[in-house]
Protein backbone atom coordinates (compact mmCIF):
# COMPACT_ATOMS: atom_id res chain seq x y z
CA UNK A 1 135.90 41.68 176.51
CA UNK A 2 134.78 38.33 175.16
CA UNK A 3 131.77 36.94 176.94
CA UNK A 4 131.83 33.30 177.87
CA UNK A 5 129.27 31.12 176.13
CA UNK A 6 127.18 29.52 178.87
CA UNK A 7 125.99 26.17 177.56
CA UNK A 8 123.44 23.92 179.25
CA UNK A 9 123.21 20.38 177.89
CA UNK A 10 120.49 17.87 178.57
CA UNK A 11 121.98 14.82 180.30
CA UNK A 12 120.35 11.41 180.03
CA UNK A 13 121.59 8.40 181.98
CA UNK A 14 120.66 6.14 179.04
CA UNK A 15 123.11 7.87 176.69
CA UNK A 16 125.90 9.24 178.89
CA UNK A 17 128.49 9.16 176.11
CA UNK A 18 126.43 11.62 174.06
CA UNK A 19 126.98 14.43 176.58
CA UNK A 20 130.76 14.04 176.62
CA UNK A 21 131.17 13.78 172.85
CA UNK A 22 129.05 16.89 172.32
CA UNK A 23 131.18 18.80 174.83
CA UNK A 24 134.33 17.64 173.04
CA UNK A 25 133.00 18.73 169.65
CA UNK A 26 132.23 22.18 171.04
CA UNK A 27 135.48 22.58 172.95
CA UNK A 28 137.83 21.62 170.17
CA UNK A 29 136.36 24.11 167.70
CA UNK A 30 135.47 27.05 169.94
CA UNK A 31 137.41 30.29 169.65
CA UNK A 32 135.77 31.72 172.79
CA UNK A 33 135.65 30.49 176.40
CA UNK A 34 132.78 28.11 177.09
CA UNK A 35 131.24 26.71 180.25
CA UNK A 36 129.14 23.55 180.40
CA UNK A 37 126.31 22.74 182.79
CA UNK A 38 124.70 19.32 182.45
CA UNK A 39 121.01 19.31 183.28
CA UNK A 40 121.00 16.01 185.13
CA UNK A 41 117.97 14.96 187.15
CA UNK A 42 120.00 14.01 190.22
CA UNK A 43 121.50 17.51 190.28
CA UNK A 44 118.15 19.34 190.14
CA UNK A 45 115.94 17.01 192.16
CA UNK A 46 115.50 19.61 194.92
CA UNK A 47 113.95 22.13 192.53
CA UNK A 48 112.55 19.96 189.73
CA UNK A 49 109.69 18.00 191.21
CA UNK A 50 107.33 17.13 188.36
CA UNK A 51 106.63 13.45 187.72
CA UNK A 52 107.95 11.82 184.60
CA UNK A 53 105.53 11.90 181.70
CA UNK A 54 105.25 8.58 179.81
CA UNK A 55 105.62 10.49 176.52
CA UNK A 56 109.05 11.82 177.50
CA UNK A 57 111.79 10.47 175.27
CA UNK A 58 114.58 11.90 177.44
CA UNK A 59 115.16 12.68 181.11
CA UNK A 60 115.55 16.38 180.27
CA UNK A 61 112.38 16.82 178.23
CA UNK A 62 111.03 19.39 180.68
CA UNK A 63 113.97 20.21 182.95
CA UNK A 64 115.58 22.12 180.05
CA UNK A 65 113.24 25.00 180.85
CA UNK A 66 115.07 25.55 184.14
CA UNK A 67 117.88 27.23 182.22
CA UNK A 68 116.79 30.87 182.82
CA UNK A 69 116.29 30.12 186.54
CA UNK A 70 119.67 28.38 186.77
CA UNK A 71 121.19 31.40 185.03
CA UNK A 72 119.74 33.81 187.60
CA UNK A 73 117.68 35.40 184.80
CA UNK A 74 120.82 37.21 183.66
CA UNK A 75 122.65 37.33 180.34
CA UNK A 76 122.25 34.74 177.61
CA UNK A 77 122.40 30.97 177.89
CA UNK A 78 122.28 28.23 175.30
CA UNK A 79 120.42 24.96 175.77
CA UNK A 80 121.11 21.99 173.51
CA UNK A 81 120.04 18.35 173.55
CA UNK A 82 122.88 15.92 174.16
CA UNK A 83 122.34 13.92 170.96
CA UNK A 84 124.14 16.48 168.83
CA UNK A 85 127.52 17.17 167.27
CA UNK A 86 129.07 20.60 166.74
CA UNK A 87 130.82 20.92 163.39
CA UNK A 88 131.99 24.54 163.59
CA UNK A 89 132.98 27.33 165.99
CA UNK A 90 130.19 27.97 168.50
CA UNK A 91 131.22 31.64 168.49
CA UNK A 92 129.30 31.90 165.21
CA UNK A 93 126.11 30.90 167.01
CA UNK A 94 126.85 33.12 170.00
CA UNK A 95 127.15 36.12 167.68
CA UNK A 96 123.54 35.63 166.54
CA UNK A 97 122.10 36.70 169.89
CA UNK A 98 119.60 39.50 169.37
CA UNK A 99 118.25 41.43 172.35
CA UNK A 100 114.97 42.06 170.54
CA UNK A 101 113.99 38.48 171.38
CA UNK A 102 113.35 36.50 174.54
CA UNK A 103 114.42 33.24 172.92
CA UNK A 104 115.89 32.13 169.62
CA UNK A 105 115.68 28.78 167.88
CA UNK A 106 115.46 27.00 164.54
CA UNK A 107 111.80 27.13 163.54
CA UNK A 108 111.39 23.67 162.06
CA UNK A 109 108.28 23.01 159.99
CA UNK A 110 108.09 19.27 159.39
CA UNK A 111 106.28 16.06 160.31
CA UNK A 112 108.60 13.33 161.67
CA UNK A 113 109.17 10.49 159.23
CA UNK A 114 109.26 7.74 161.88
CA UNK A 115 106.76 6.61 164.50
CA UNK A 116 109.29 5.48 167.12
CA UNK A 117 112.65 6.83 168.26
CA UNK A 118 115.58 5.27 170.08
CA UNK A 119 114.77 2.62 172.70
CA UNK A 120 111.25 2.33 171.28
CA UNK A 121 110.12 5.77 172.45
CA UNK A 122 107.01 7.12 170.71
CA UNK A 123 107.80 9.91 168.24
CA UNK A 124 105.33 12.57 169.37
CA UNK A 125 104.08 15.01 166.74
CA UNK A 126 103.05 18.55 167.61
CA UNK A 127 103.33 22.14 166.43
CA UNK A 128 106.83 23.59 166.92
CA UNK A 129 108.32 20.10 167.07
CA UNK A 130 112.04 20.26 167.93
CA UNK A 131 112.09 24.05 168.32
CA UNK A 132 113.10 23.56 171.95
CA UNK A 133 116.04 21.23 171.25
CA UNK A 134 118.30 24.25 170.66
CA UNK A 135 117.32 27.45 172.46
CA UNK A 136 119.23 30.66 172.99
CA UNK A 137 117.62 32.09 176.13
CA UNK A 138 117.68 35.85 176.75
CA UNK A 139 117.27 35.04 180.42
CA UNK A 140 115.93 38.34 181.74
CA UNK A 141 113.01 38.08 179.31
CA UNK A 142 112.15 34.53 180.39
CA UNK A 143 111.10 35.19 183.98
CA UNK A 144 107.82 33.34 183.56
CA UNK A 145 109.93 30.18 183.56
CA UNK A 146 110.12 30.10 187.35
CA UNK A 147 110.13 26.91 189.38
CA UNK A 148 106.38 26.80 189.80
CA UNK A 149 105.71 27.20 186.07
CA UNK A 150 108.33 24.68 184.96
CA UNK A 151 107.02 22.14 187.45
CA UNK A 152 103.32 22.56 186.64
CA UNK A 153 102.89 23.74 183.04
CA UNK A 154 101.85 21.19 180.44
CA UNK A 155 104.39 19.78 178.06
CA UNK A 156 102.88 21.66 175.14
CA UNK A 157 102.86 24.93 177.06
CA UNK A 158 106.58 24.53 177.61
CA UNK A 159 107.66 23.19 174.22
CA UNK A 160 105.40 25.53 172.24
CA UNK A 161 106.79 28.61 174.01
CA UNK A 162 103.45 29.51 175.63
CA UNK A 163 105.48 31.12 178.40
CA UNK A 164 106.04 34.06 176.07
CA UNK A 165 103.40 36.71 175.46
CA UNK A 166 103.80 36.39 171.69
CA UNK A 167 105.59 34.29 169.10
CA UNK A 168 107.05 37.60 167.92
CA UNK A 169 109.46 37.25 170.84
CA UNK A 170 110.98 34.11 169.28
CA UNK A 171 113.91 34.89 167.03
CA UNK A 172 114.79 32.57 164.17
CA UNK A 173 118.12 30.79 163.82
CA UNK A 174 119.28 29.36 160.47
CA UNK A 175 118.37 25.64 160.04
CA UNK A 176 122.06 24.70 160.00
CA UNK A 177 122.14 25.26 163.78
CA UNK A 178 119.79 22.34 164.43
CA UNK A 179 120.11 20.08 161.39
CA UNK A 180 117.87 17.06 161.90
CA UNK A 181 119.63 13.89 160.82
CA UNK A 182 117.43 11.60 158.69
CA UNK A 183 114.67 14.21 158.61
CA UNK A 184 116.81 16.47 156.43
CA UNK A 185 119.14 15.45 153.62
CA UNK A 186 122.86 15.39 154.28
CA UNK A 187 124.38 18.86 154.11
CA UNK A 188 128.11 19.59 154.29
CA UNK A 189 127.18 23.03 155.64
CA UNK A 190 125.31 21.76 158.71
CA UNK A 191 126.86 23.43 161.73
CA UNK A 192 125.15 21.63 164.62
CA UNK A 193 123.69 18.24 163.70
CA UNK A 194 120.96 16.63 165.75
CA UNK A 195 120.57 12.86 165.86
CA UNK A 196 116.95 13.28 166.84
CA UNK A 197 115.82 9.72 166.00
CA UNK A 198 118.76 8.15 167.80
CA UNK A 199 122.49 8.75 168.13
CA UNK A 200 125.24 6.67 166.50
CA UNK A 201 125.93 5.09 169.90
CA UNK A 202 122.75 3.03 169.34
CA UNK A 203 123.54 0.16 166.96
CA UNK A 204 120.62 0.81 164.61
CA UNK A 205 121.79 4.39 163.94
CA UNK A 206 125.54 3.84 163.70
CA UNK A 207 125.56 4.30 159.91
CA UNK A 208 123.48 7.48 159.78
CA UNK A 209 124.73 10.74 158.28
CA UNK A 210 127.56 12.34 160.28
CA UNK A 211 128.05 9.14 162.34
CA UNK A 212 131.68 8.81 161.28
CA UNK A 213 132.35 12.33 162.53
CA UNK A 214 130.67 11.49 165.83
CA UNK A 215 132.80 8.36 166.32
CA UNK A 216 135.94 10.33 165.49
CA UNK A 217 135.02 12.87 168.18
CA UNK A 218 134.39 10.03 170.62
CA UNK A 219 137.87 8.68 169.90
CA UNK A 220 139.31 12.10 170.72
CA UNK A 221 137.42 12.10 174.03
CA UNK A 222 139.21 8.84 174.90
CA UNK A 223 142.65 9.96 173.71
CA UNK A 224 145.62 10.26 176.05
CA UNK A 225 149.28 10.75 175.19
CA UNK A 226 151.27 7.88 176.60
CA UNK A 227 154.84 8.21 177.79
CA UNK A 228 157.22 6.93 175.18
CA UNK A 229 159.58 4.12 176.10
């Protein structure tokens, strides 16, 4: 029996269109059933109580770590930032789940090229930068991510996977599953591209790599079949 892919997507009120285009890009290529849960602050305000950190570039910078709790600490769940575009069948990513690990991600090793991101946000630089923008959670092994921990741990504790006993519990995904636009050269083989500096919906990034594909997906989101005369 095919297991549904449970996908949690960070939702930011400043870039609403990003969420819907990402969902479309996943839906139209997926060969397996998928379910989407937006992590939107107004939906989790009863359980997510930490104050906004001025270094946050998105509304879901820390709320993403609620995923194991929201999944009842059962099965596997995928978290992805909203500023992404799926270019292949998500079943290929789902097949990479490995029960030896508590979490799996692309283990980027880079220093960001720019100092500021979209809307003038500071581009913070730290070890394991962008590891947490795509995470496959093996939820039962992530029980330390309870409400108290997610609401009180430091940003680095969360984003550097300090909630795990060892980095050996972090499995590695191929870089194509979190291909950083502008940080990495264009690759036709990129499977999930990440507009980490800013999505094509911001004017200054509308000509970046993969932007044409993003706009085409947006057009498909808006498509309806009209009744012919």
